């Protein structure tokens, strides 16, 4: 042991940094990741040098252009060490296809990605999705009508100055989406977006500042479309700055048992175009272990949309609430204002939930849990007076609530819930879903 301690405390100087296995990566990027090692003090303990080398190897691996990054410290002369990174680059061309199934949609997806395109860890990616959206959940046996939906995205990503914790993303996108399952219109969105994402290493939070310009079109109105939908039909141009922050310290983002999750999103539209508003929403989630495989998760969400000027908010900018991954016991987007048969969304909302997870007998070590829940939510539309105090009182004076029990199953990429729901309190505009309800998704409130 004394010998090991002497080795790690022996003073050394990093003499050089070498890379083995490089084929496509540029010397400029390698120089950026060599500099932190070569700029170290002339002498340092060997253990410190080894720690710095392995830390830099982790940074290189997070660029996403290497299959693995191994480190060797080679000493040819007494007091000097050479850091050798042995890497294997990923294939430049990557393609995949797949299918996705949700509560009210099924789709086929395809993606092609060129990684490390110019040798500086940048990437180009094209995604296309083509699917069917229905006005009833796919697991139900009743007849349903359907419409096709599609989306396309072209994305360019590049680490800022070779740092994987600072990413620049620029993308062009086009989406056709049917809203027929809860309203009588379809929407087409085409646009450009640029975002700069930074990882806060101290807190572990992700910050993202972006700009998005999008041309939206509401079309294919149903014969029974409401006046709210009809007055917003046609074209609109949104030019907006966005900021988001996410802090996720849960032990499992899909089915957590401990930790916290915080998310906020702010949007300011009005830098040109005919859409002018301030929009913000926030969410918090806390999971606590209770012992014996039991855990409890609580969540709270709220948001507000405030238009700039006299115009009321557009139906395609408003919030929606309700559904198997949101407020259980209600149909998708089934809480909040309606106009005729159309769910038209709201300008303010608040929702809360609490879930108790319990192990199944003989399956305590498996990713499947009993699930007992209670959740509540409310959403309103601001009137012409836009009195925030009065609107807040209205929002908090009455909640749509539901309780229930079921199973929560964690798969590798998603979570499945099968619940029996009992709505307890509802409003006249709510669309309830008592009885069996299925939920599939990555994030549950």
Protein backbone atom coordinates (compact mmCIF):
# COMPACT_ATOMS: atom_id res chain seq x y z
CA UNK A 1 0.00 0.00 0.00
CA UNK A 2 2.82 2.35 0.80
CA UNK A 3 4.29 1.67 -2.65
CA UNK A 4 0.96 2.55 -4.34
CA UNK A 5 0.76 5.78 -2.36
CA UNK A 6 4.27 6.68 -3.43
CA UNK A 7 3.41 6.10 -7.10
CA UNK A 8 0.32 8.33 -6.98
CA UNK A 9 2.10 11.08 -5.09
CA UNK A 10 5.18 11.05 -7.35
CA UNK A 11 5.52 14.46 -9.07
CA UNK A 12 5.26 14.32 -12.86
CA UNK A 13 4.87 16.61 -15.85
CA UNK A 14 2.55 15.91 -18.78
CA UNK A 15 4.98 15.95 -21.69
CA UNK A 16 2.64 15.21 -24.61
CA UNK A 17 -0.85 14.08 -25.62
CA UNK A 18 -1.31 11.55 -28.40
CA UNK A 19 -4.37 10.05 -30.09
CA UNK A 20 -4.49 6.58 -31.62
CA UNK A 21 -7.30 5.40 -33.88
CA UNK A 22 -8.16 8.79 -35.38
CA UNK A 23 -9.46 8.70 -38.95
CA UNK A 24 -11.94 11.55 -39.47
CA UNK A 25 -11.58 13.85 -36.48
CA UNK A 26 -9.79 17.15 -37.13
CA UNK A 27 -6.54 18.22 -35.53
CA UNK A 28 -8.27 21.41 -34.43
CA UNK A 29 -10.73 19.48 -32.24
CA UNK A 30 -7.97 17.25 -30.85
CA UNK A 31 -5.91 20.33 -29.99
CA UNK A 32 -8.84 21.79 -28.04
CA UNK A 33 -9.03 18.65 -25.90
CA UNK A 34 -5.26 18.38 -25.50
CA UNK A 35 -4.87 21.93 -24.21
CA UNK A 36 -6.34 21.33 -20.69
CA UNK A 37 -3.71 18.65 -20.11
CA UNK A 38 -0.75 20.47 -21.66
CA UNK A 39 -1.59 23.73 -19.84
CA UNK A 40 -1.35 22.11 -16.39
CA UNK A 41 1.37 23.13 -13.92
CA UNK A 42 4.85 21.83 -14.70
CA UNK A 43 4.75 19.37 -11.82
CA UNK A 44 1.81 17.60 -10.22
CA UNK A 45 1.18 14.30 -8.38
CA UNK A 46 0.87 11.33 -10.75
CA UNK A 47 -2.58 10.57 -9.31
CA UNK A 48 -3.75 14.08 -10.20
CA UNK A 49 -2.45 13.70 -13.76
CA UNK A 50 -4.27 10.37 -14.11
CA UNK A 51 -7.50 11.92 -12.83
CA UNK A 52 -7.25 14.81 -15.32
CA UNK A 53 -6.60 12.41 -18.20
CA UNK A 54 -9.62 10.25 -17.38
CA UNK A 55 -11.79 13.35 -16.97
CA UNK A 56 -10.75 14.53 -20.44
CA UNK A 57 -11.48 11.05 -21.82
CA UNK A 58 -15.02 11.32 -20.46
CA UNK A 59 -15.43 14.71 -22.16
CA UNK A 60 -14.23 13.24 -25.46
CA UNK A 61 -16.66 10.33 -25.17
CA UNK A 62 -19.60 12.68 -24.57
CA UNK A 63 -18.98 14.28 -27.98
CA UNK A 64 -20.77 11.23 -29.40
CA UNK A 65 -18.20 10.53 -32.12
CA UNK A 66 -16.26 7.73 -30.40
CA UNK A 67 -17.36 4.19 -29.52
CA UNK A 68 -14.92 4.21 -26.63
CA UNK A 69 -12.05 6.29 -25.30
CA UNK A 70 -9.31 4.50 -23.34
CA UNK A 71 -6.44 6.22 -21.55
CA UNK A 72 -2.84 5.18 -21.01
CA UNK A 73 -0.15 7.13 -19.18
CA UNK A 74 3.22 6.26 -20.67
CA UNK A 75 6.45 7.25 -18.91
CA UNK A 76 9.56 7.20 -21.08
CA UNK A 77 11.59 9.47 -18.85
CA UNK A 78 11.65 9.96 -15.11
CA UNK A 79 9.30 12.77 -14.14
CA UNK A 80 7.52 12.92 -17.54
CA UNK A 81 4.34 11.18 -18.70
CA UNK A 82 2.73 10.98 -22.13
CA UNK A 83 -1.07 10.78 -22.19
CA UNK A 84 -2.30 8.41 -24.89
CA UNK A 85 -5.98 8.32 -25.88
CA UNK A 86 -6.88 5.13 -27.72
CA UNK A 87 -10.18 5.68 -29.52
CA UNK A 88 -12.49 4.01 -32.00
CA UNK A 89 -14.59 6.39 -34.07
CA UNK A 90 -18.25 5.68 -34.72
CA UNK A 91 -19.44 5.20 -38.25
CA UNK A 92 -20.13 8.51 -39.94
CA UNK A 93 -23.41 7.36 -41.47
CA UNK A 94 -26.20 6.22 -39.17
CA UNK A 95 -29.73 5.28 -40.18
CA UNK A 96 -32.70 3.81 -38.37
CA UNK A 97 -36.38 3.10 -38.88
CA UNK A 98 -39.06 2.31 -36.36
CA UNK A 99 -42.68 2.49 -35.31
CA UNK A 100 -44.22 4.44 -32.45
CA UNK A 101 -47.55 3.78 -30.77
CA UNK A 102 -49.35 6.21 -28.46
CA UNK A 103 -52.84 6.59 -27.02
CA UNK A 104 -54.31 8.20 -30.13
CA UNK A 105 -51.69 7.71 -32.82
CA UNK A 106 -49.39 5.27 -34.51
CA UNK A 107 -46.53 6.31 -36.78
CA UNK A 108 -43.61 5.09 -38.83
CA UNK A 109 -40.33 6.98 -38.47
CA UNK A 110 -37.05 7.07 -40.36
CA UNK A 111 -33.85 8.96 -39.60
CA UNK A 112 -30.51 9.41 -41.34
CA UNK A 113 -27.60 11.02 -39.54
CA UNK A 114 -24.10 12.02 -40.61
CA UNK A 115 -21.88 12.17 -37.53
CA UNK A 116 -18.61 14.09 -37.25
CA UNK A 117 -19.36 15.46 -40.70
CA UNK A 118 -16.42 17.92 -40.96
CA UNK A 119 -14.26 16.43 -38.21
CA UNK A 120 -15.33 18.83 -35.44
CA UNK A 121 -18.11 16.65 -33.89
CA UNK A 122 -20.85 18.37 -35.88
CA UNK A 123 -23.76 16.33 -37.23
CA UNK A 124 -26.48 16.55 -39.85
CA UNK A 125 -29.71 14.66 -39.27
CA UNK A 126 -32.91 14.24 -41.26
CA UNK A 127 -36.06 12.79 -39.66
CA UNK A 128 -39.37 11.93 -41.24
CA UNK A 129 -42.50 10.59 -39.59
CA UNK A 130 -45.73 9.43 -41.18
CA UNK A 131 -48.65 8.22 -39.14
CA UNK A 132 -52.32 7.94 -38.36
CA UNK A 133 -54.06 10.10 -35.78
CA UNK A 134 -57.53 9.12 -34.59
CA UNK A 135 -60.38 10.74 -32.72
CA UNK A 136 -60.46 7.77 -30.31
CA UNK A 137 -57.75 5.97 -28.40
CA UNK A 138 -56.30 3.04 -30.34
CA UNK A 139 -56.93 0.60 -27.50
CA UNK A 140 -60.70 1.21 -27.60
CA UNK A 141 -62.93 -1.05 -29.70
CA UNK A 142 -65.49 1.58 -30.72
CA UNK A 143 -65.46 2.91 -34.32
CA UNK A 144 -63.24 5.89 -34.97
CA UNK A 145 -62.35 8.32 -37.73
CA UNK A 146 -58.74 9.01 -38.61
CA UNK A 147 -56.51 11.48 -40.40
CA UNK A 148 -52.95 11.20 -41.58
CA UNK A 149 -50.18 13.22 -39.99
CA UNK A 150 -46.60 13.77 -41.07
CA UNK A 151 -43.50 15.65 -40.00
CA UNK A 152 -40.04 16.36 -41.37
CA UNK A 153 -37.01 17.87 -39.68
CA UNK A 154 -33.49 18.69 -40.79
CA UNK A 155 -31.12 19.35 -37.90
CA UNK A 156 -27.54 20.61 -37.68
CA UNK A 157 -25.75 20.27 -34.33
CA UNK A 158 -22.29 21.39 -33.26
CA UNK A 159 -20.53 21.56 -29.88
CA UNK A 160 -19.43 25.09 -29.10
CA UNK A 161 -15.61 25.18 -29.20
CA UNK A 162 -15.56 21.39 -28.93
CA UNK A 163 -17.39 21.41 -25.59
CA UNK A 164 -20.16 18.75 -25.38
CA UNK A 165 -21.76 20.74 -22.55
CA UNK A 166 -22.43 23.65 -24.92
CA UNK A 167 -24.38 22.73 -28.06
CA UNK A 168 -25.59 24.84 -30.97
CA UNK A 169 -28.60 23.40 -32.83
CA UNK A 170 -30.17 24.79 -36.00
CA UNK A 171 -33.14 23.06 -37.57
CA UNK A 172 -35.74 23.42 -40.29
CA UNK A 173 -39.04 21.64 -39.82
CA UNK A 174 -42.46 21.03 -41.30
CA UNK A 175 -45.37 19.33 -39.56
CA UNK A 176 -48.93 18.45 -40.51
CA UNK A 177 -51.02 17.56 -37.49
CA UNK A 178 -54.64 16.60 -37.17
CA UNK A 179 -56.53 17.89 -34.13
CA UNK A 180 -59.64 15.85 -34.98
CA UNK A 181 -59.58 13.83 -31.76
CA UNK A 182 -60.56 16.91 -29.75
CA UNK A 183 -61.24 19.77 -32.14
CA UNK A 184 -62.34 20.29 -35.73
CA UNK A 185 -59.25 21.53 -37.54
CA UNK A 186 -55.81 20.52 -38.75
CA UNK A 187 -52.61 22.53 -38.43
CA UNK A 188 -49.59 22.85 -40.67
CA UNK A 189 -46.39 24.35 -39.25
CA UNK A 190 -43.21 25.22 -41.18
CA UNK A 191 -40.28 27.02 -39.68
CA UNK A 192 -36.69 27.55 -38.67
CA UNK A 193 -35.21 27.42 -35.17
CA UNK A 194 -31.83 28.01 -33.58
CA UNK A 195 -31.03 26.98 -30.00
CA UNK A 196 -28.00 27.16 -27.74
CA UNK A 197 -27.95 24.61 -24.93
CA UNK A 198 -25.66 24.78 -21.89
CA UNK A 199 -25.18 22.24 -19.11
CA UNK A 200 -24.61 23.77 -15.68
CA UNK A 201 -22.01 21.40 -14.23
CA UNK A 202 -22.45 22.74 -10.70
CA UNK A 203 -26.21 22.16 -10.41
CA UNK A 204 -26.63 19.65 -13.20
CA UNK A 205 -29.28 21.84 -14.83
CA UNK A 206 -29.70 22.35 -18.57
CA UNK A 207 -30.38 25.85 -19.92
CA UNK A 208 -31.51 26.50 -23.48
CA UNK A 209 -31.90 29.85 -25.22
CA UNK A 210 -33.47 29.85 -28.65
CA UNK A 211 -35.27 31.60 -31.46
CA UNK A 212 -38.05 30.15 -33.58
CA UNK A 213 -39.80 31.56 -36.60
CA UNK A 214 -42.79 29.54 -37.79
CA UNK A 215 -45.54 29.93 -40.34
CA UNK A 216 -48.72 28.23 -39.12
CA UNK A 217 -51.88 27.41 -41.04
CA UNK A 218 -55.19 26.22 -39.56
CA UNK A 219 -57.19 24.45 -42.23
CA UNK A 220 -59.50 21.53 -43.02
CA UNK A 221 -62.22 22.86 -40.71
CA UNK A 222 -65.03 20.49 -39.89
CA UNK A 223 -68.61 21.33 -40.81
CA UNK A 224 -69.41 21.86 -37.12
CA UNK A 225 -66.29 23.94 -36.36
CA UNK A 226 -66.92 26.53 -33.67
CA UNK A 227 -66.55 30.29 -34.05
CA UNK A 228 -63.39 30.18 -31.89
CA UNK A 229 -61.75 27.86 -34.42
CA UNK A 230 -63.12 29.65 -37.48
CA UNK A 231 -61.85 33.10 -36.45
CA UNK A 232 -58.31 31.74 -36.03
CA UNK A 233 -58.35 29.75 -39.28
CA UNK A 234 -55.89 30.63 -41.99
CA UNK A 235 -52.30 31.79 -41.73
CA UNK A 236 -50.26 33.26 -38.87
CA UNK A 237 -46.57 34.00 -38.45
CA UNK A 238 -44.87 33.57 -35.07
CA UNK A 239 -41.41 34.94 -34.32
CA UNK A 240 -40.37 34.15 -30.76
CA UNK A 241 -37.49 33.97 -28.31
CA UNK A 242 -37.56 31.03 -25.92
CA UNK A 243 -35.76 30.05 -22.74
CA UNK A 244 -36.02 26.75 -20.92
CA UNK A 245 -34.36 25.29 -17.85
CA UNK A 246 -34.48 21.69 -16.63
CA UNK A 247 -33.07 20.20 -13.45
CA UNK A 248 -33.47 16.44 -13.20
CA UNK A 249 -32.05 14.67 -10.17
CA UNK A 250 -34.33 11.64 -10.18
CA UNK A 251 -32.87 8.15 -9.97
CA UNK A 252 -34.97 7.16 -12.99
CA UNK A 253 -36.62 9.64 -15.37
CA UNK A 254 -39.29 7.12 -16.45
CA UNK A 255 -40.38 5.52 -13.14
CA UNK A 256 -38.59 7.39 -10.32
CA UNK A 257 -38.43 6.42 -6.67
CA UNK A 258 -36.38 9.36 -5.37
CA UNK A 259 -35.19 12.77 -6.46
CA UNK A 260 -36.54 16.05 -7.83
CA UNK A 261 -37.45 17.32 -11.28
CA UNK A 262 -37.89 21.01 -12.13
CA UNK A 263 -38.75 22.47 -15.52
CA UNK A 264 -39.61 25.96 -16.73
CA UNK A 265 -40.30 27.40 -20.17
CA UNK A 266 -40.63 31.03 -21.19
CA UNK A 267 -41.62 32.33 -24.62
CA UNK A 268 -41.84 35.85 -25.92
CA UNK A 269 -43.49 36.21 -29.35
CA UNK A 270 -43.70 39.48 -31.28
CA UNK A 271 -40.34 40.00 -32.99
CA UNK A 272 -42.20 40.44 -36.25
CA UNK A 273 -45.17 38.45 -37.43
CA UNK A 274 -48.72 38.77 -36.17
CA UNK A 275 -48.48 36.71 -32.97
CA UNK A 276 -47.63 38.71 -29.85
CA UNK A 277 -47.66 37.17 -26.41
CA UNK A 278 -45.73 36.20 -23.31
CA UNK A 279 -46.10 32.56 -22.33
CA UNK A 280 -44.66 30.65 -19.42
CA UNK A 281 -45.19 27.39 -17.63
CA UNK A 282 -43.39 25.52 -14.87
CA UNK A 283 -43.45 22.05 -13.39
CA UNK A 284 -42.03 20.45 -10.26
CA UNK A 285 -41.93 16.81 -9.24
CA UNK A 286 -40.68 15.20 -6.02
CA UNK A 287 -40.20 11.45 -5.48
CA UNK A 288 -39.49 9.95 -2.05
CA UNK A 289 -38.75 6.33 -1.10
CA UNK A 290 -40.82 5.00 1.78
CA UNK A 291 -38.95 1.74 2.28
CA UNK A 292 -39.87 -1.81 1.43
CA UNK A 293 -40.15 -0.98 -2.28
CA UNK A 294 -42.81 1.71 -1.68
CA UNK A 295 -42.39 5.25 -2.99
CA UNK A 296 -44.47 8.38 -3.40
CA UNK A 297 -44.36 10.99 -6.17
CA UNK A 298 -45.98 14.43 -6.05
CA UNK A 299 -46.19 16.96 -8.87
CA UNK A 300 -47.34 20.53 -9.44
CA UNK A 301 -47.70 22.40 -12.74
CA UNK A 302 -48.93 25.83 -13.75
CA UNK A 303 -48.81 28.20 -16.69
CA UNK A 304 -50.07 31.48 -18.13
CA UNK A 305 -50.44 32.93 -21.64
CA UNK A 306 -50.64 36.73 -21.79
CA UNK A 307 -51.29 38.41 -25.14
CA UNK A 308 -49.67 41.75 -25.96
CA UNK A 309 -52.28 44.12 -27.29
CA UNK A 310 -56.04 43.79 -27.39
CA UNK A 311 -56.32 40.56 -29.35
CA UNK A 312 -57.30 37.38 -27.55
CA UNK A 313 -54.96 34.40 -27.71
CA UNK A 314 -55.07 32.05 -30.68
CA UNK A 315 -56.43 28.55 -30.29
CA UNK A 316 -53.13 27.01 -31.48
CA UNK A 317 -51.07 28.89 -28.86
CA UNK A 318 -53.10 27.94 -25.80
CA UNK A 319 -52.44 25.31 -23.15
CA UNK A 320 -54.19 21.95 -23.03
CA UNK A 321 -54.75 19.75 -20.00
CA UNK A 322 -56.02 16.27 -19.27
CA UNK A 323 -55.29 12.74 -20.38
CA UNK A 324 -53.58 9.54 -19.20
CA UNK A 325 -50.15 11.17 -18.85
CA UNK A 326 -51.49 14.47 -17.51
CA UNK A 327 -54.64 14.45 -15.37
CA UNK A 328 -55.83 10.84 -15.36
CA UNK A 329 -59.54 10.08 -15.52
CA UNK A 330 -60.11 12.60 -18.34
CA UNK A 331 -59.81 12.36 -22.09
CA UNK A 332 -56.79 13.75 -23.89
CA UNK A 333 -56.96 17.56 -23.51
CA UNK A 334 -60.35 17.00 -21.88
CA UNK A 335 -60.14 19.68 -19.15
CA UNK A 336 -60.90 23.31 -19.82
CA UNK A 337 -62.89 25.61 -22.11
CA UNK A 338 -64.98 24.35 -25.00
CA UNK A 339 -66.84 26.06 -27.81
CA UNK A 340 -69.52 23.71 -29.06
CA UNK A 341 -67.84 20.37 -29.58
CA UNK A 342 -64.37 21.89 -29.90
CA UNK A 343 -61.83 21.83 -27.10
CA UNK A 344 -60.20 25.24 -27.53
CA UNK A 345 -57.59 25.33 -24.75
CA UNK A 346 -56.97 27.92 -22.06
CA UNK A 347 -54.72 30.82 -21.03
CA UNK A 348 -54.13 29.79 -17.41
CA UNK A 349 -53.92 26.36 -15.83
CA UNK A 350 -52.90 24.64 -12.63
CA UNK A 351 -52.61 20.92 -11.93
CA UNK A 352 -51.35 18.70 -9.13
CA UNK A 353 -51.01 14.99 -8.53
CA UNK A 354 -49.86 12.43 -6.00
CA UNK A 355 -49.03 8.80 -6.72
CA UNK A 356 -48.16 5.91 -4.42
CA UNK A 357 -46.17 3.06 -5.95
CA UNK A 358 -46.07 -0.34 -4.25
CA UNK A 359 -44.22 -3.56 -5.14
CA UNK A 360 -46.06 -6.60 -6.45
CA UNK A 361 -45.79 -9.85 -4.50
CA UNK A 362 -42.95 -12.01 -5.84
CA UNK A 363 -42.05 -9.23 -8.32
CA UNK A 364 -40.49 -6.69 -5.98
CA UNK A 365 -37.28 -6.51 -8.03
CA UNK A 366 -39.08 -6.09 -11.37
CA UNK A 367 -39.93 -2.76 -13.08
CA UNK A 368 -43.65 -3.14 -12.42
CA UNK A 369 -45.55 -1.49 -9.56
CA UNK A 370 -49.01 -1.16 -8.11
CA UNK A 371 -50.14 2.43 -8.66
CA UNK A 372 -52.58 4.45 -6.53
CA UNK A 373 -53.18 8.05 -7.56
CA UNK A 374 -55.16 11.22 -7.03
CA UNK A 375 -54.88 14.18 -9.40
CA UNK A 376 -56.57 17.51 -10.02
CA UNK A 377 -56.47 20.27 -12.59
CA UNK A 378 -58.25 23.34 -13.89
CA UNK A 379 -57.83 25.59 -16.90
CA UNK A 380 -59.53 28.84 -17.87
CA UNK A 381 -59.52 31.39 -20.67
CA UNK A 382 -58.84 35.02 -19.81
CA UNK A 383 -61.71 37.38 -20.56
CA UNK A 384 -61.40 40.74 -22.30
CA UNK A 385 -60.70 42.51 -18.99
CA UNK A 386 -57.71 40.22 -18.31
CA UNK A 387 -57.91 40.75 -14.58
CA UNK A 388 -55.18 38.43 -13.20
CA UNK A 389 -56.45 38.50 -9.62
CA UNK A 390 -59.99 37.65 -10.62
CA UNK A 391 -58.75 34.98 -13.04
CA UNK A 392 -56.55 33.43 -10.35
CA UNK A 393 -59.50 33.22 -7.96
CA UNK A 394 -61.57 31.54 -10.65
CA UNK A 395 -58.75 29.14 -11.49
CA UNK A 396 -58.23 28.06 -7.89
CA UNK A 397 -61.89 27.99 -6.89
CA UNK A 398 -62.76 24.75 -8.64
CA UNK A 399 -60.70 21.75 -9.76
CA UNK A 400 -61.54 18.71 -11.81
CA UNK A 401 -60.36 15.70 -9.81
CA UNK A 402 -60.02 11.94 -10.18
CA UNK A 403 -58.64 9.02 -8.18
CA UNK A 404 -57.78 5.48 -9.18
CA UNK A 405 -55.46 2.53 -9.08
CA UNK A 406 -53.66 0.31 -11.53
CA UNK A 407 -50.26 -0.87 -12.72
CA UNK A 408 -47.20 1.11 -13.84
CA UNK A 409 -44.67 -0.76 -15.97
CA UNK A 410 -41.25 0.55 -16.94
CA UNK A 411 -39.88 -0.47 -20.32
CA UNK A 412 -36.46 0.51 -21.63
CA UNK A 413 -37.65 3.65 -23.43
CA UNK A 414 -41.12 4.38 -22.04
CA UNK A 415 -43.66 3.81 -19.29
CA UNK A 416 -47.00 2.06 -19.57
CA UNK A 417 -49.84 2.67 -17.14
CA UNK A 418 -53.05 0.67 -16.96
CA UNK A 419 -55.39 2.40 -14.52
CA UNK A 420 -58.97 2.20 -13.36
CA UNK A 421 -60.08 5.82 -12.97
CA UNK A 422 -62.92 7.38 -10.99
CA UNK A 423 -63.62 11.06 -11.71
CA UNK A 424 -64.68 12.73 -8.46
CA UNK A 425 -65.46 16.31 -9.47
CA UNK A 426 -65.95 17.66 -12.99
CA UNK A 427 -67.11 20.82 -14.73
CA UNK A 428 -69.72 21.04 -17.46
CA UNK A 429 -67.05 21.37 -20.19
CA UNK A 430 -64.89 18.42 -19.08
CA UNK A 431 -64.59 15.24 -21.12
CA UNK A 432 -64.23 12.42 -18.60
CA UNK A 433 -62.84 8.91 -19.03
CA UNK A 434 -64.12 6.75 -16.15
CA UNK A 435 -63.06 3.14 -15.96
CA UNK A 436 -60.06 1.63 -17.69
CA UNK A 437 -57.50 4.04 -19.12
CA UNK A 438 -54.18 3.28 -20.77
CA UNK A 439 -51.23 5.67 -20.77
CA UNK A 440 -48.00 5.36 -22.79
CA UNK A 441 -45.21 7.95 -22.62
CA UNK A 442 -41.87 9.13 -21.32
CA UNK A 443 -43.11 11.66 -18.81
CA UNK A 444 -46.08 11.36 -16.45
CA UNK A 445 -47.35 14.08 -14.12
